[in-house]
N, C-alpha and C. Protein backbone atom coordinates (compact mmCIF):
# COMPACT_ATOMS: atom_id res chain seq x y z
N MET A 1 147.24 -17.51 -93.86
CA MET A 1 145.73 -17.83 -93.14
C MET A 1 145.72 -19.00 -93.63
N ASP A 2 144.77 -19.66 -92.83
CA ASP A 2 144.78 -21.20 -93.35
C ASP A 2 142.76 -21.31 -93.39
N ILE A 3 142.43 -21.93 -94.37
CA ILE A 3 141.16 -21.83 -95.12
C ILE A 3 140.97 -23.66 -95.32
N ARG A 4 139.35 -23.57 -94.34
CA ARG A 4 139.25 -24.76 -94.48
C ARG A 4 137.54 -25.07 -94.34
N ILE A 5 137.18 -25.85 -95.67
CA ILE A 5 135.73 -25.53 -95.82
C ILE A 5 135.08 -26.99 -96.00
N GLN A 6 134.14 -26.97 -95.19
CA GLN A 6 133.30 -28.43 -94.88
C GLN A 6 132.75 -28.53 -95.55
N SER A 7 131.91 -29.61 -96.15
CA SER A 7 130.25 -29.09 -96.73
C SER A 7 129.72 -30.70 -96.25
N LEU A 8 128.70 -30.88 -95.26
CA LEU A 8 127.82 -31.15 -94.79
C LEU A 8 126.97 -32.05 -95.82
N LYS A 9 126.75 -33.33 -95.61
CA LYS A 9 126.05 -33.90 -95.92
C LYS A 9 125.33 -34.54 -97.73
N PHE A 10 126.52 -33.30 -98.25
CA PHE A 10 126.74 -33.76 -99.45
C PHE A 10 128.12 -33.06 -99.89
N ASN A 11 127.92 -33.19 -101.75
CA ASN A 11 129.85 -32.93 -101.82
C ASN A 11 130.05 -31.27 -102.56
N ALA A 12 130.51 -30.55 -102.16
CA ALA A 12 130.81 -28.76 -102.39
C ALA A 12 131.54 -29.53 -104.13
N ASP A 13 130.79 -29.00 -105.51
CA ASP A 13 132.09 -28.79 -105.97
C ASP A 13 133.11 -28.16 -105.78
N ASN A 14 134.24 -27.99 -106.99
CA ASN A 14 135.10 -27.00 -107.06
C ASN A 14 134.73 -25.67 -107.31
N LYS A 15 134.66 -25.48 -107.91
CA LYS A 15 133.96 -23.80 -108.34
C LYS A 15 133.06 -23.15 -107.07
N LEU A 16 132.66 -23.89 -106.18
CA LEU A 16 131.53 -22.49 -105.45
C LEU A 16 133.29 -23.26 -104.24
N ILE A 17 134.31 -24.11 -104.23
CA ILE A 17 135.19 -24.18 -102.76
C ILE A 17 136.13 -22.43 -103.67
N ASP A 18 136.36 -22.58 -104.87
CA ASP A 18 137.31 -21.76 -105.28
C ASP A 18 136.68 -20.00 -104.66
N TYR A 19 135.02 -20.39 -104.90
CA TYR A 19 134.41 -18.86 -105.29
C TYR A 19 134.65 -18.39 -103.54
N ILE A 20 134.65 -19.17 -102.65
CA ILE A 20 134.58 -19.10 -101.10
C ILE A 20 136.37 -18.17 -100.52
N GLU A 21 137.55 -19.55 -101.60
CA GLU A 21 138.31 -19.08 -101.32
C GLU A 21 138.78 -17.71 -101.33
N LYS A 22 138.02 -17.37 -102.75
CA LYS A 22 138.97 -15.73 -103.33
C LYS A 22 138.21 -15.31 -102.37
N LYS A 23 136.96 -15.56 -102.38
CA LYS A 23 136.01 -14.25 -101.33
C LYS A 23 136.75 -13.98 -99.57
N LEU A 24 137.12 -14.78 -99.43
CA LEU A 24 137.95 -15.34 -98.01
C LEU A 24 139.41 -14.29 -98.28
N SER A 25 140.22 -14.53 -99.58
CA SER A 25 141.27 -14.35 -99.54
C SER A 25 141.74 -12.64 -99.54
N LYS A 26 140.16 -11.87 -99.78
CA LYS A 26 140.33 -10.18 -99.16
C LYS A 26 140.05 -10.21 -97.44
N LEU A 27 139.65 -11.00 -96.87
CA LEU A 27 139.58 -10.50 -95.73
C LEU A 27 141.11 -9.83 -94.65
N PRO A 28 141.52 -10.60 -95.17
CA PRO A 28 143.16 -10.33 -94.39
C PRO A 28 143.58 -8.42 -94.81
N LYS A 29 142.86 -7.66 -95.81
CA LYS A 29 142.93 -6.49 -95.93
C LYS A 29 142.47 -5.76 -94.79
N PHE A 30 141.00 -5.87 -94.04
CA PHE A 30 140.71 -5.74 -92.84
C PHE A 30 141.02 -5.99 -91.09
N TYR A 31 142.06 -6.73 -91.45
CA TYR A 31 142.70 -7.24 -90.35
C TYR A 31 144.05 -8.27 -90.86
N ASP A 32 145.23 -8.13 -90.85
CA ASP A 32 146.10 -9.49 -91.21
C ASP A 32 146.76 -9.85 -90.01
N GLU A 33 146.20 -9.67 -88.99
CA GLU A 33 146.32 -11.22 -87.87
C GLU A 33 145.27 -12.47 -88.09
N ILE A 34 144.68 -12.58 -89.18
CA ILE A 34 143.76 -13.88 -89.03
C ILE A 34 145.07 -15.49 -88.77
N LEU A 35 144.27 -16.26 -88.02
CA LEU A 35 144.89 -17.33 -87.54
C LEU A 35 144.04 -18.66 -88.67
N ASN A 36 143.11 -18.42 -89.09
CA ASN A 36 142.13 -19.45 -89.97
C ASN A 36 141.27 -19.27 -89.97
N VAL A 37 140.08 -19.95 -90.72
CA VAL A 37 139.13 -19.66 -91.05
C VAL A 37 138.21 -21.11 -91.36
N GLU A 38 137.42 -21.18 -90.67
CA GLU A 38 136.92 -22.30 -90.51
C GLU A 38 135.14 -22.36 -91.25
N VAL A 39 134.96 -22.69 -93.17
CA VAL A 39 133.94 -22.82 -93.34
C VAL A 39 132.60 -24.23 -93.23
N ILE A 40 131.30 -23.87 -92.89
CA ILE A 40 130.78 -24.90 -93.48
C ILE A 40 129.54 -24.83 -93.58
N LEU A 41 129.20 -25.85 -95.05
CA LEU A 41 128.08 -25.88 -96.26
C LEU A 41 127.08 -26.51 -95.23
N SER A 42 125.52 -26.21 -95.21
CA SER A 42 125.22 -27.35 -95.50
C SER A 42 123.70 -26.66 -95.61
N LEU A 43 122.74 -28.10 -95.86
CA LEU A 43 121.52 -27.87 -96.73
C LEU A 43 120.63 -27.95 -95.57
N LEU A 44 119.46 -26.94 -95.55
CA LEU A 44 118.72 -26.78 -94.68
C LEU A 44 117.54 -27.96 -94.91
N PRO A 45 117.05 -28.06 -94.28
CA PRO A 45 116.01 -29.03 -94.11
C PRO A 45 114.49 -28.99 -95.41
N ASP A 46 114.00 -28.00 -95.41
CA ASP A 46 113.57 -27.68 -96.36
C ASP A 46 113.91 -27.98 -98.35
N TYR A 47 115.80 -27.60 -97.86
CA TYR A 47 115.86 -27.85 -99.32
C TYR A 47 116.00 -26.92 -100.17
N GLU A 48 115.30 -25.84 -100.18
CA GLU A 48 115.23 -24.61 -100.69
C GLU A 48 116.73 -23.61 -100.69
N ASN A 49 116.64 -23.93 -99.13
CA ASN A 49 117.92 -22.38 -98.63
C ASN A 49 119.09 -23.83 -97.89
N LYS A 50 120.10 -22.70 -98.04
CA LYS A 50 121.49 -23.61 -98.17
C LYS A 50 121.85 -22.51 -97.16
N ASN A 51 122.72 -22.86 -96.06
CA ASN A 51 123.55 -22.45 -94.98
C ASN A 51 125.06 -22.62 -95.09
N VAL A 52 125.70 -21.33 -94.57
CA VAL A 52 126.65 -20.93 -94.33
C VAL A 52 127.20 -20.89 -93.32
N LYS A 53 128.35 -21.14 -92.54
CA LYS A 53 129.00 -20.56 -91.38
C LYS A 53 130.29 -20.52 -91.35
N MET A 54 130.41 -19.31 -91.14
CA MET A 54 132.05 -18.89 -90.59
C MET A 54 132.82 -18.77 -89.54
N MET A 55 133.73 -19.48 -89.61
CA MET A 55 134.13 -18.98 -88.07
C MET A 55 136.02 -18.70 -88.46
N VAL A 56 135.94 -17.36 -87.84
CA VAL A 56 137.24 -16.40 -88.48
C VAL A 56 137.87 -16.20 -87.12
N PHE A 57 139.32 -17.28 -86.46
CA PHE A 57 139.59 -17.47 -85.72
C PHE A 57 140.95 -16.17 -85.53
N ILE A 58 141.31 -15.14 -85.13
CA ILE A 58 141.84 -14.23 -84.07
C ILE A 58 142.84 -14.34 -82.89
N PRO A 59 143.83 -14.05 -82.83
CA PRO A 59 144.64 -13.64 -81.40
C PRO A 59 143.28 -13.10 -80.33
N GLY A 60 143.02 -14.37 -79.27
CA GLY A 60 142.15 -14.17 -78.31
C GLY A 60 140.83 -13.79 -78.80
N ASN A 61 140.71 -13.98 -79.87
CA ASN A 61 139.02 -14.23 -79.96
C ASN A 61 138.13 -14.86 -80.76
N GLU A 62 137.48 -15.26 -81.95
CA GLU A 62 136.71 -15.82 -82.41
C GLU A 62 135.56 -15.10 -83.07
N LEU A 63 135.36 -14.78 -84.44
CA LEU A 63 133.94 -14.45 -84.81
C LEU A 63 133.51 -15.41 -85.46
N VAL A 64 132.05 -15.36 -85.61
CA VAL A 64 131.44 -16.78 -85.85
C VAL A 64 130.17 -15.48 -86.79
N VAL A 65 129.83 -16.34 -88.11
CA VAL A 65 128.67 -15.82 -88.67
C VAL A 65 128.10 -17.01 -89.03
N GLU A 66 126.55 -16.45 -89.29
CA GLU A 66 126.11 -17.34 -90.05
C GLU A 66 124.90 -17.02 -91.25
N ARG A 67 125.15 -17.88 -91.97
CA ARG A 67 123.59 -16.73 -92.75
C ARG A 67 123.12 -17.89 -93.89
N HIS A 68 121.64 -17.53 -94.45
CA HIS A 68 121.44 -18.27 -95.25
C HIS A 68 120.79 -18.12 -96.29
N ALA A 69 120.85 -18.74 -97.62
CA ALA A 69 119.99 -17.57 -99.09
C ALA A 69 119.59 -19.08 -99.99
N ALA A 70 118.88 -18.62 -100.85
CA ALA A 70 118.54 -19.30 -101.82
C ALA A 70 119.99 -20.31 -102.08
N LYS A 71 120.47 -19.50 -102.41
CA LYS A 71 122.60 -20.26 -103.46
C LYS A 71 123.47 -19.24 -102.05
N PHE A 72 124.50 -21.08 -102.36
CA PHE A 72 125.86 -20.70 -101.20
C PHE A 72 126.55 -19.63 -101.81
N GLU A 73 126.57 -19.06 -102.83
CA GLU A 73 127.39 -17.99 -103.26
C GLU A 73 126.70 -16.73 -102.51
N ASP A 74 125.52 -16.37 -102.70
CA ASP A 74 124.41 -15.38 -101.99
C ASP A 74 125.21 -15.38 -100.39
N ALA A 75 125.14 -16.13 -99.81
CA ALA A 75 125.21 -16.79 -98.00
C ALA A 75 126.05 -16.39 -98.27
N THR A 76 127.53 -16.63 -99.00
CA THR A 76 128.86 -16.39 -98.98
C THR A 76 128.96 -14.98 -98.52
N VAL A 77 128.71 -14.24 -99.61
CA VAL A 77 128.73 -12.96 -99.60
C VAL A 77 128.40 -12.24 -98.67
N GLU A 78 126.89 -12.47 -97.93
CA GLU A 78 126.35 -11.65 -96.79
C GLU A 78 127.59 -12.38 -95.45
N CYS A 79 127.99 -13.27 -95.21
CA CYS A 79 128.86 -13.67 -94.50
C CYS A 79 130.27 -12.78 -94.63
N ILE A 80 130.23 -12.56 -95.39
CA ILE A 80 131.75 -11.63 -96.00
C ILE A 80 131.61 -10.06 -95.34
N ASP A 81 130.45 -9.94 -95.38
CA ASP A 81 129.90 -8.51 -95.77
C ASP A 81 130.15 -8.27 -93.78
N VAL A 82 129.34 -8.74 -93.12
CA VAL A 82 129.48 -8.79 -91.93
C VAL A 82 130.81 -9.20 -90.48
N LEU A 83 131.53 -10.52 -91.32
CA LEU A 83 133.17 -9.94 -91.19
C LEU A 83 133.76 -8.93 -91.31
N LYS A 84 133.94 -8.49 -92.78
CA LYS A 84 134.85 -7.15 -92.76
C LYS A 84 134.26 -6.12 -91.56
N ASP A 85 132.85 -5.73 -91.34
CA ASP A 85 132.39 -5.03 -90.60
C ASP A 85 132.66 -5.51 -88.96
N LEU A 86 132.97 -6.42 -89.13
CA LEU A 86 133.28 -7.09 -87.11
C LEU A 86 134.69 -7.12 -87.12
N LEU A 87 135.42 -7.31 -88.29
CA LEU A 87 137.17 -6.90 -88.04
C LEU A 87 138.06 -5.52 -88.17
N VAL A 88 136.63 -4.87 -88.93
CA VAL A 88 136.71 -3.16 -88.86
C VAL A 88 137.23 -2.95 -87.20
N LYS A 89 135.57 -3.19 -86.66
CA LYS A 89 135.41 -3.02 -85.44
C LYS A 89 136.17 -3.20 -84.24
N VAL A 90 137.18 -4.55 -84.70
CA VAL A 90 138.44 -5.33 -83.46
C VAL A 90 139.35 -4.66 -83.78
N LYS A 91 139.81 -4.57 -85.00
CA LYS A 91 141.00 -3.69 -85.04
C LYS A 91 141.07 -2.12 -84.83
N GLU A 92 139.83 -1.24 -84.64
CA GLU A 92 139.42 -0.23 -84.38
C GLU A 92 140.03 -0.26 -82.37
N LYS A 93 139.20 -1.30 -82.09
CA LYS A 93 139.48 -1.59 -80.65
C LYS A 93 140.60 -1.35 -79.98
N LYS A 94 141.62 -2.24 -81.07
CA LYS A 94 143.19 -3.01 -80.56
C LYS A 94 143.64 -1.71 -80.88
N ARG A 95 143.42 -0.61 -82.03
CA ARG A 95 144.30 0.36 -82.10
C ARG A 95 144.08 1.39 -81.11
N ASP A 96 142.81 1.63 -80.69
CA ASP A 96 142.76 2.26 -78.92
C ASP A 96 143.14 2.15 -78.23
N LYS A 97 143.29 0.80 -77.74
CA LYS A 97 144.22 0.26 -76.39
C LYS A 97 145.67 1.25 -76.26
């Protein structure tokens, strides 16, 4: 699984990048055919909220989740929780066919 993290209009520190990669490394437990993941970090115009957009590419599909919170870490956790549910649904659909 290839992970690409992009920060728009700011430089993300290594602690944040490591945190996101650690969280994303758990996704293959829920669906083992993940090709790659793209993460886009951005600041919202009010500068109080941070935005995290995650795109997970799997064979024949792309899952996109976007969340914002006061901290990048909180938005990341929310995105990962939603992605876990989506990946389980995709896996169940595939199994039922």
